[in-house]
Amino acid sequence: MTRRGLLLVGTAIVLTGLNLRTAVNSVGPVLQEVQAGLGVSSGLAGLVTSLPVLCFAAIGFAGPPLAARYRDGHVLAGALLAMAAGLVLRAVAGAFWLFVAGTVLAMVGGALGNVLLPGLVKRWFPERTGLLVGAYSSALTAGGTVAAVTAAPVAGAIGQDGWRWALGMWAVLALVAALPWLAVPVRPGAGAAARPAVRTSSLVHSPLALVFACFFGLQALQAFVLVGWLPSYLRDAGLSAAAAGVLLGVNQLLVIPVHAVVPSLTVRPHLQRPLLLSFLGCYTVGWVGLWVAPTTVPWLWMAFLAVGLGTFAMVLALLGLRARTPQSTAALATAVQGWGYVLAGAGPLLVGVLLGWTGSYAPMFVLLLAGLAGMLVTGWQVTRERFVDDELAGPVREPDAASRRG
């Protein structure tokens, strides 16, 4: 593979990363406007914040079969085009069910990108895994940051129904990201001698995959509650919509350097558990600070949470470290994220239901702190060096013909 070809693939991966959270992070700062515009309750608002996570779980399982049948570039280009269409549909929706349909379609790009990028990094850049994971996870955070920061100002500047523009304008970025994938050549190793794909369903017999999924789900729950509900909590605590959006943006901005550095540290086994404990400690300080004194030094609490969010970059790096081949990496990424997002999706939905029932955000913080205890237990297992391939037995791979397509 030439340097030019690798540069093209790397660019496509990073551009895809930029799009993975724009459709999700742009909703939280204007969630109250979306509720008013569509006339929905807090319970349905909880569904809006949980729906992307559930889509990541359900749609992500289609990633490896599609990648085995079609070229990687074509799968991701199609996924990003579907994302663009969904963003537009969501922006023009006049009814809640159309908004939901647009959200599901928009999540196609995010879901397939989530599960396919770890395997693509291991396939195309086996010696630079930490660097590429850091690059695309930083891009993911950067895209989410810009989406969070600009949502409320764009909606406010436009006025009535400004939230539609704040959500729909990201379709342009998705279209741009689809273009380089159309030029990506056949993946390396394709052909008669290529390794067959690993069946995702076989990982149900892997203890590592199961505990990994729990760890991923609990850390994702923290992130999606933060993005989906924290702006509303800060607004109810007395801050303006713009201030709440800026604080979320500051949080996401600080995550960018964290995500850039963490993968390169995670590839060093002796640092994995110290990193885990550091992240959990920062999460605890941030959540307790926001619960007790939300308007005192909110930027400080958001900074602690930004460091805690480094668990996501850690997970992405560990996916490549806990599997021996690109095929098993792709299967592990699909299983861990698919099962994990089901667990994570319950978080924002439960917060909305409890908020409507109790009228208080206290249950939200109890849920988040309990999740940190679960992350300590499962994360301790995930950071023990072992490989998912060694836990699989029997016919765990797909027929060879599926892997011969480029």
Protein backbone atom coordinates (compact mmCIF):
# COMPACT_ATOMS: atom_id res chain seq x y z
CA MET A 1 0.00 0.00 0.00
CA THR A 2 1.42 3.39 -1.03
CA ARG A 3 1.76 6.33 1.34
CA ARG A 4 -0.80 8.19 -0.74
CA GLY A 5 -3.28 5.35 -0.35
CA LEU A 6 -2.73 5.16 3.40
CA LEU A 7 -3.15 8.92 3.65
CA LEU A 8 -6.49 8.63 1.85
CA VAL A 9 -7.67 5.89 4.23
CA GLY A 10 -6.47 7.84 7.26
CA THR A 11 -8.28 10.96 6.05
CA ALA A 12 -11.47 8.99 5.48
CA ILE A 13 -11.25 7.49 8.98
CA VAL A 14 -10.73 10.88 10.64
CA LEU A 15 -13.53 12.53 8.63
CA THR A 16 -15.85 9.70 9.61
CA GLY A 17 -14.87 10.24 13.24
CA LEU A 18 -15.93 13.88 12.94
CA ASN A 19 -19.47 12.75 12.14
CA LEU A 20 -19.95 10.04 14.76
CA ARG A 21 -21.40 12.30 17.46
CA THR A 22 -22.73 15.42 15.69
CA ALA A 23 -26.25 13.99 15.40
CA VAL A 24 -26.22 13.08 19.10
CA ASN A 25 -24.50 16.05 20.75
CA SER A 26 -26.50 18.70 18.90
CA VAL A 27 -29.77 17.63 20.56
CA GLY A 28 -29.06 18.20 24.26
CA PRO A 29 -28.58 22.00 24.18
CA VAL A 30 -31.88 22.48 22.31
CA LEU A 31 -33.82 19.60 23.87
CA GLN A 32 -36.34 21.93 25.49
CA GLU A 33 -36.95 23.66 22.14
CA VAL A 34 -37.42 20.26 20.48
CA GLN A 35 -39.94 19.33 23.20
CA ALA A 36 -41.86 22.56 22.63
CA GLY A 37 -41.69 22.35 18.85
CA LEU A 38 -42.95 18.78 18.69
CA GLY A 39 -45.16 18.95 21.79
CA VAL A 40 -43.65 15.98 23.63
CA SER A 41 -43.40 15.12 27.33
CA SER A 42 -40.24 14.65 29.40
CA GLY A 43 -40.68 10.90 29.05
CA LEU A 44 -40.63 11.15 25.25
CA ALA A 45 -37.71 13.54 25.56
CA GLY A 46 -35.93 10.75 27.40
CA LEU A 47 -36.67 8.52 24.40
CA VAL A 48 -35.09 11.15 22.13
CA THR A 49 -31.88 11.04 24.17
CA SER A 50 -31.88 7.22 24.39
CA LEU A 51 -32.82 6.51 20.79
CA PRO A 52 -29.34 7.16 19.32
CA VAL A 53 -27.81 4.74 21.81
CA LEU A 54 -30.37 2.05 21.01
CA CYS A 55 -29.78 2.59 17.29
CA PHE A 56 -26.04 2.20 17.83
CA ALA A 57 -26.80 -1.16 19.43
CA ALA A 58 -29.25 -2.49 16.84
CA ILE A 59 -27.74 -1.13 13.61
CA GLY A 60 -24.14 -1.84 14.63
CA PHE A 61 -24.66 -5.59 14.31
CA ALA A 62 -25.07 -5.14 10.55
CA GLY A 63 -21.51 -3.82 10.25
CA PRO A 64 -19.42 -7.02 9.90
CA PRO A 65 -21.85 -8.80 7.51
CA LEU A 66 -21.97 -5.72 5.28
CA ALA A 67 -18.19 -5.31 5.39
CA ALA A 68 -17.77 -9.00 4.48
CA ARG A 69 -20.08 -8.67 1.49
CA TYR A 70 -19.10 -5.23 0.18
CA ARG A 71 -16.03 -3.02 0.13
CA ASP A 72 -15.34 -1.19 3.38
CA GLY A 73 -15.34 2.15 1.59
CA HIS A 74 -18.70 1.55 -0.04
CA VAL A 75 -20.30 0.48 3.26
CA LEU A 76 -19.12 3.59 5.09
CA ALA A 77 -19.92 5.91 2.18
CA GLY A 78 -23.47 4.56 2.09
CA ALA A 79 -23.75 4.86 5.86
CA LEU A 80 -22.69 8.52 5.79
CA LEU A 81 -25.12 9.30 2.97
CA ALA A 82 -27.91 7.70 5.01
CA MET A 83 -26.84 9.86 7.93
CA ALA A 84 -27.12 13.01 5.82
CA ALA A 85 -30.63 12.04 4.68
CA GLY A 86 -31.71 11.29 8.25
CA LEU A 87 -30.40 14.63 9.53
CA VAL A 88 -32.41 16.47 6.91
CA LEU A 89 -35.56 14.45 7.64
CA ARG A 90 -35.21 15.09 11.36
CA ALA A 91 -34.80 18.82 10.77
CA VAL A 92 -37.98 19.17 8.68
CA ALA A 93 -40.12 16.75 10.72
CA GLY A 94 -43.48 18.16 11.73
CA ALA A 95 -44.49 15.17 13.84
CA PHE A 96 -42.70 13.23 16.53
CA TRP A 97 -42.75 9.96 14.59
CA LEU A 98 -40.99 11.62 11.65
CA PHE A 99 -38.39 13.02 14.04
CA VAL A 100 -37.85 9.50 15.36
CA ALA A 101 -37.58 8.09 11.81
CA GLY A 102 -35.02 10.75 10.89
CA THR A 103 -33.03 10.02 14.03
CA VAL A 104 -32.91 6.29 13.27
CA LEU A 105 -31.72 6.96 9.70
CA ALA A 106 -29.15 9.49 10.92
CA MET A 107 -27.73 6.94 13.34
CA VAL A 108 -26.80 4.53 10.52
CA GLY A 109 -23.54 6.37 9.89
CA GLY A 110 -22.69 6.58 13.57
CA ALA A 111 -23.55 2.95 14.30
CA LEU A 112 -21.57 1.46 11.40
CA GLY A 113 -18.67 3.81 11.98
CA ASN A 114 -18.54 2.80 15.64
CA VAL A 115 -18.14 -0.90 14.93
CA LEU A 116 -16.09 -0.83 11.72
CA LEU A 117 -13.41 1.77 12.47
CA PRO A 118 -11.52 -0.26 15.16
CA GLY A 119 -11.12 -3.20 12.76
CA LEU A 120 -10.16 -0.92 9.86
CA VAL A 121 -7.46 0.72 11.97
CA LYS A 122 -6.02 -2.68 12.89
CA ARG A 123 -6.19 -3.80 9.25
CA TRP A 124 -4.70 -0.72 7.56
CA PHE A 125 -2.45 0.58 10.36
CA PRO A 126 -1.42 -2.43 12.48
CA GLU A 127 1.77 -0.71 13.68
CA ARG A 128 0.12 2.64 14.43
CA THR A 129 -3.03 1.58 16.25
CA GLY A 130 -2.62 4.02 19.14
CA LEU A 131 -1.96 6.95 16.80
CA LEU A 132 -4.97 6.31 14.54
CA VAL A 133 -7.35 5.52 17.40
CA GLY A 134 -6.24 8.75 19.05
CA ALA A 135 -6.76 10.67 15.80
CA TYR A 136 -10.27 9.48 15.06
CA SER A 137 -11.45 9.52 18.69
CA SER A 138 -10.19 13.12 18.94
CA ALA A 139 -12.02 13.93 15.71
CA LEU A 140 -15.15 12.29 17.12
CA THR A 141 -14.93 14.50 20.18
CA ALA A 142 -14.15 17.61 18.14
CA GLY A 143 -17.22 17.09 15.96
CA GLY A 144 -19.38 16.52 19.01
CA THR A 145 -17.93 19.60 20.69
CA VAL A 146 -18.69 21.91 17.79
CA ALA A 147 -22.19 20.46 17.53
CA ALA A 148 -22.83 21.04 21.23
CA VAL A 149 -21.40 24.56 21.30
CA THR A 150 -23.16 25.84 18.19
CA ALA A 151 -26.62 24.28 18.68
CA ALA A 152 -28.07 26.85 21.08
CA PRO A 153 -26.49 29.94 19.42
CA VAL A 154 -27.65 28.85 15.95
CA ALA A 155 -31.16 28.13 17.23
CA GLY A 156 -31.26 31.47 19.08
CA ALA A 157 -29.95 33.46 16.13
CA ILE A 158 -32.54 32.05 13.73
CA GLY A 159 -35.43 32.36 16.16
CA GLN A 160 -38.60 30.35 15.74
CA ASP A 161 -37.82 26.75 14.76
CA GLY A 162 -34.11 27.57 14.87
CA TRP A 163 -33.52 24.18 16.47
CA ARG A 164 -34.26 22.61 13.08
CA TRP A 165 -31.26 24.34 11.52
CA ALA A 166 -29.11 23.53 14.54
CA LEU A 167 -29.81 19.82 14.02
CA GLY A 168 -29.95 19.63 10.23
CA MET A 169 -26.85 21.58 9.20
CA TRP A 170 -24.58 18.62 9.99
CA ALA A 171 -25.82 16.82 6.90
CA VAL A 172 -23.25 18.79 4.90
CA LEU A 173 -20.35 17.37 6.92
CA ALA A 174 -21.68 13.84 6.46
CA LEU A 175 -21.78 14.32 2.68
CA VAL A 176 -18.18 15.57 2.66
CA ALA A 177 -17.00 12.60 4.74
CA ALA A 178 -18.61 10.11 2.33
CA LEU A 179 -16.50 11.23 -0.65
CA PRO A 180 -13.04 9.86 0.25
CA TRP A 181 -14.47 6.43 1.05
CA LEU A 182 -15.57 6.07 -2.56
CA ALA A 183 -11.90 6.28 -3.62
CA VAL A 184 -10.53 3.85 -1.00
CA PRO A 185 -9.14 0.73 -2.73
CA VAL A 186 -9.83 -2.89 -1.90
CA ARG A 187 -8.80 -3.60 1.67
CA PRO A 188 -5.40 -5.25 2.21
CA GLY A 189 -5.47 -9.01 2.56
CA ALA A 190 -8.63 -9.49 0.47
CA GLY A 191 -8.59 -12.56 -1.70
CA ALA A 192 -8.69 -16.32 -1.53
CA ALA A 193 -6.11 -16.46 1.26
CA ALA A 194 -7.84 -13.88 3.43
CA ARG A 195 -8.91 -14.85 6.91
CA PRO A 196 -12.67 -15.45 7.17
CA ALA A 197 -14.79 -13.19 9.33
CA VAL A 198 -15.43 -14.05 12.97
CA ARG A 199 -19.07 -14.55 13.87
CA THR A 200 -20.22 -11.95 16.35
CA SER A 201 -22.72 -14.43 17.82
CA SER A 202 -19.88 -16.71 18.90
CA LEU A 203 -18.67 -14.08 21.35
CA VAL A 204 -21.61 -14.81 23.64
CA HIS A 205 -19.42 -17.66 24.89
CA SER A 206 -16.53 -15.34 25.70
CA PRO A 207 -16.35 -14.08 29.32
CA LEU A 208 -14.05 -11.29 28.18
CA ALA A 209 -16.52 -10.06 25.55
CA LEU A 210 -19.39 -10.08 28.06
CA VAL A 211 -17.56 -8.16 30.78
CA PHE A 212 -16.13 -5.83 28.13
CA ALA A 213 -19.68 -5.09 26.94
CA CYS A 214 -20.75 -4.25 30.50
CA PHE A 215 -17.80 -1.90 30.95
CA PHE A 216 -18.46 -0.24 27.61
CA GLY A 217 -22.16 0.13 28.36
CA LEU A 218 -21.59 1.71 31.75
CA GLN A 219 -19.06 4.22 30.43
CA ALA A 220 -21.34 5.05 27.51
CA LEU A 221 -24.23 5.56 29.94
CA GLN A 222 -22.17 8.23 31.70
CA ALA A 223 -21.41 9.99 28.43
CA PHE A 224 -24.92 9.94 26.99
CA VAL A 225 -26.56 11.13 30.19
CA LEU A 226 -24.00 13.95 30.30
CA VAL A 227 -24.67 14.99 26.71
CA GLY A 228 -28.42 14.38 26.74
CA TRP A 229 -29.50 15.68 30.14
CA LEU A 230 -26.80 17.83 31.70
CA PRO A 231 -27.63 20.97 29.65
CA SER A 232 -31.26 20.74 30.81
CA TYR A 233 -30.13 20.19 34.40
CA LEU A 234 -27.89 23.26 34.26
CA ARG A 235 -30.69 25.34 32.76
CA ASP A 236 -33.08 24.25 35.50
CA ALA A 237 -30.38 25.10 38.03
CA GLY A 238 -30.41 28.72 36.84
CA LEU A 239 -28.04 28.97 33.88
CA SER A 240 -29.08 30.23 30.47
CA ALA A 241 -29.39 27.93 27.47
CA ALA A 242 -26.30 29.50 25.91
CA ALA A 243 -24.28 29.10 29.12
CA ALA A 244 -25.31 25.46 29.47
CA GLY A 245 -24.34 24.83 25.85
CA VAL A 246 -20.98 26.54 26.33
CA LEU A 247 -20.25 24.46 29.43
CA LEU A 248 -21.02 21.28 27.51
CA GLY A 249 -18.82 22.57 24.72
CA VAL A 250 -15.99 23.31 27.15
CA ASN A 251 -16.33 19.80 28.51
CA GLN A 252 -16.14 18.29 25.04
CA LEU A 253 -13.28 20.61 24.05
CA LEU A 254 -11.21 19.43 27.00
CA VAL A 255 -11.91 15.84 26.04
CA ILE A 256 -10.12 16.28 22.70
CA PRO A 257 -6.55 16.32 24.09
CA VAL A 258 -7.53 13.59 26.56
CA HIS A 259 -8.66 11.34 23.72
CA ALA A 260 -5.56 12.19 21.71
CA VAL A 261 -3.24 11.00 24.50
CA VAL A 262 -5.11 8.13 26.17
CA PRO A 263 -4.82 5.49 23.37
CA SER A 264 -1.03 5.81 23.27
CA LEU A 265 -0.93 5.33 27.05
CA THR A 266 -3.44 2.46 27.01
CA VAL A 267 -1.23 0.33 24.75
CA ARG A 268 1.19 0.14 27.72
CA PRO A 269 -0.26 -2.61 29.94
CA HIS A 270 1.20 -1.30 33.20
CA LEU A 271 -0.66 2.01 32.79
CA GLN A 272 -4.14 0.62 32.13
CA ARG A 273 -5.35 0.19 35.71
CA PRO A 274 -3.87 3.49 36.98
CA LEU A 275 -5.67 5.19 34.08
CA LEU A 276 -8.91 3.45 35.00
CA LEU A 277 -8.71 4.58 38.63
CA SER A 278 -7.86 8.14 37.58
CA PHE A 279 -10.85 8.34 35.25
CA LEU A 280 -13.26 6.99 37.86
CA GLY A 281 -11.95 9.42 40.47
CA CYS A 282 -12.47 12.38 38.14
CA TYR A 283 -15.98 11.20 37.28
CA THR A 284 -16.85 11.00 40.98
CA VAL A 285 -15.59 14.52 41.74
CA GLY A 286 -17.40 15.96 38.71
CA TRP A 287 -20.79 14.36 39.36
CA VAL A 288 -20.79 15.08 43.08
CA GLY A 289 -19.72 18.68 42.44
CA LEU A 290 -22.53 19.25 39.95
CA TRP A 291 -25.06 17.63 42.29
CA VAL A 292 -24.07 19.68 45.33
CA ALA A 293 -23.01 23.01 43.77
CA PRO A 294 -24.10 23.17 40.11
CA THR A 295 -23.69 26.94 39.69
CA THR A 296 -20.67 27.56 41.93
CA VAL A 297 -17.77 26.46 39.70
CA PRO A 298 -19.53 24.45 36.98
CA TRP A 299 -16.55 24.78 34.62
CA LEU A 300 -14.39 22.92 37.17
CA TRP A 301 -16.87 20.06 37.51
CA MET A 302 -17.11 19.85 33.71
CA ALA A 303 -13.31 19.70 33.51
CA PHE A 304 -13.21 16.73 35.89
CA LEU A 305 -15.90 15.01 33.81
CA ALA A 306 -13.85 15.67 30.67
CA VAL A 307 -10.97 13.66 32.10
CA GLY A 308 -13.38 10.92 33.17
CA LEU A 309 -14.62 10.68 29.59
CA GLY A 310 -11.16 9.39 28.68
CA THR A 311 -12.62 5.94 29.38
CA PHE A 312 -14.10 6.00 25.87
CA ALA A 313 -10.71 6.39 24.15
CA MET A 314 -9.36 3.74 26.50
CA VAL A 315 -12.09 1.33 25.40
CA LEU A 316 -11.38 1.94 21.71
CA ALA A 317 -7.70 1.17 22.23
CA LEU A 318 -8.46 -1.93 24.31
CA LEU A 319 -10.66 -3.33 21.53
CA GLY A 320 -7.57 -3.71 19.37
CA LEU A 321 -5.47 -5.02 22.26
CA ARG A 322 -7.89 -7.77 23.30
CA ALA A 323 -8.12 -9.39 19.83
CA ARG A 324 -5.39 -10.89 17.66
CA THR A 325 -6.69 -10.21 14.13
CA PRO A 326 -8.65 -7.51 12.28
CA GLN A 327 -11.53 -9.99 11.93
CA SER A 328 -11.74 -10.78 15.63
CA THR A 329 -11.28 -7.07 16.41
CA ALA A 330 -14.28 -6.21 14.22
CA ALA A 331 -16.38 -8.93 15.83
CA LEU A 332 -15.36 -7.86 19.33
CA ALA A 333 -16.08 -4.19 18.54
CA THR A 334 -19.53 -5.13 17.23
CA ALA A 335 -20.44 -7.34 20.18
CA VAL A 336 -19.08 -5.00 22.84
CA GLN A 337 -20.71 -1.90 21.38
CA GLY A 338 -23.93 -3.63 20.36
CA TRP A 339 -24.57 -5.21 23.73
CA GLY A 340 -23.06 -2.27 25.58
CA TYR A 341 -25.25 0.33 23.91
CA VAL A 342 -28.35 -1.62 24.93
CA LEU A 343 -27.24 -1.17 28.53
CA ALA A 344 -26.27 2.47 27.96
CA GLY A 345 -29.58 3.27 26.27
CA ALA A 346 -31.45 2.58 29.48
CA GLY A 347 -29.67 5.46 31.21
CA PRO A 348 -31.03 8.56 29.44
CA LEU A 349 -34.47 6.97 29.12
CA LEU A 350 -34.58 6.15 32.82
CA VAL A 351 -33.46 9.67 33.71
CA GLY A 352 -36.37 11.12 31.72
CA VAL A 353 -38.89 8.77 33.34
CA LEU A 354 -37.59 9.44 36.85
CA LEU A 355 -37.52 13.18 36.23
CA GLY A 356 -41.16 13.13 35.16
CA TRP A 357 -42.09 10.95 38.12
CA THR A 358 -40.16 12.70 40.92
CA GLY A 359 -39.57 16.17 39.47
CA SER A 360 -35.98 15.89 40.73
CA TYR A 361 -32.58 15.22 39.19
CA ALA A 362 -31.34 13.43 42.33
CA PRO A 363 -32.12 9.96 40.90
CA MET A 364 -29.95 10.82 37.89
CA PHE A 365 -26.90 11.34 40.08
CA VAL A 366 -27.61 8.19 42.09
CA LEU A 367 -27.76 6.23 38.83
CA LEU A 368 -24.48 7.74 37.58
CA LEU A 369 -22.57 7.07 40.78
CA ALA A 370 -23.83 3.48 40.91
CA GLY A 371 -22.61 3.10 37.33
CA LEU A 372 -19.11 4.15 38.40
CA ALA A 373 -19.02 1.30 40.92
CA GLY A 374 -19.92 -1.10 38.12
CA MET A 375 -17.20 0.39 35.92
CA LEU A 376 -14.60 -0.30 38.61
CA VAL A 377 -15.52 -3.99 38.78
CA THR A 378 -15.79 -4.60 35.04
CA GLY A 379 -12.91 -2.31 34.08
CA TRP A 380 -10.58 -4.19 36.41
CA GLN A 381 -11.35 -7.36 34.45
CA VAL A 382 -10.97 -5.74 31.03
CA THR A 383 -7.53 -4.36 31.90
CA ARG A 384 -6.20 -7.86 32.58
CA GLU A 385 -4.19 -8.89 29.53
CA ARG A 386 -5.89 -11.65 27.55
CA PHE A 387 -7.37 -12.23 24.07
CA VAL A 388 -10.92 -12.93 23.02
CA ASP A 389 -9.63 -15.31 20.30
CA ASP A 390 -8.36 -17.68 23.01
CA GLU A 391 -11.83 -17.98 24.54
CA LEU A 392 -13.55 -19.04 21.34
CA ALA A 393 -13.99 -22.66 20.33
CA GLY A 394 -15.73 -24.47 17.52
CA PRO A 395 -16.90 -23.02 14.17
CA VAL A 396 -16.66 -19.34 15.02
CA ARG A 397 -15.92 -17.99 11.57
CA GLU A 398 -18.08 -17.19 8.55
CA PRO A 399 -17.62 -19.07 5.24
CA ASP A 400 -14.46 -18.08 3.38
CA ALA A 401 -16.35 -16.76 0.37
CA ALA A 402 -17.67 -13.85 2.35
CA SER A 403 -14.17 -12.65 3.12
CA ARG A 404 -12.95 -12.78 -0.47
CA ARG A 405 -14.85 -9.72 -1.58
CA GLY A 406 -12.99 -6.43 -1.51
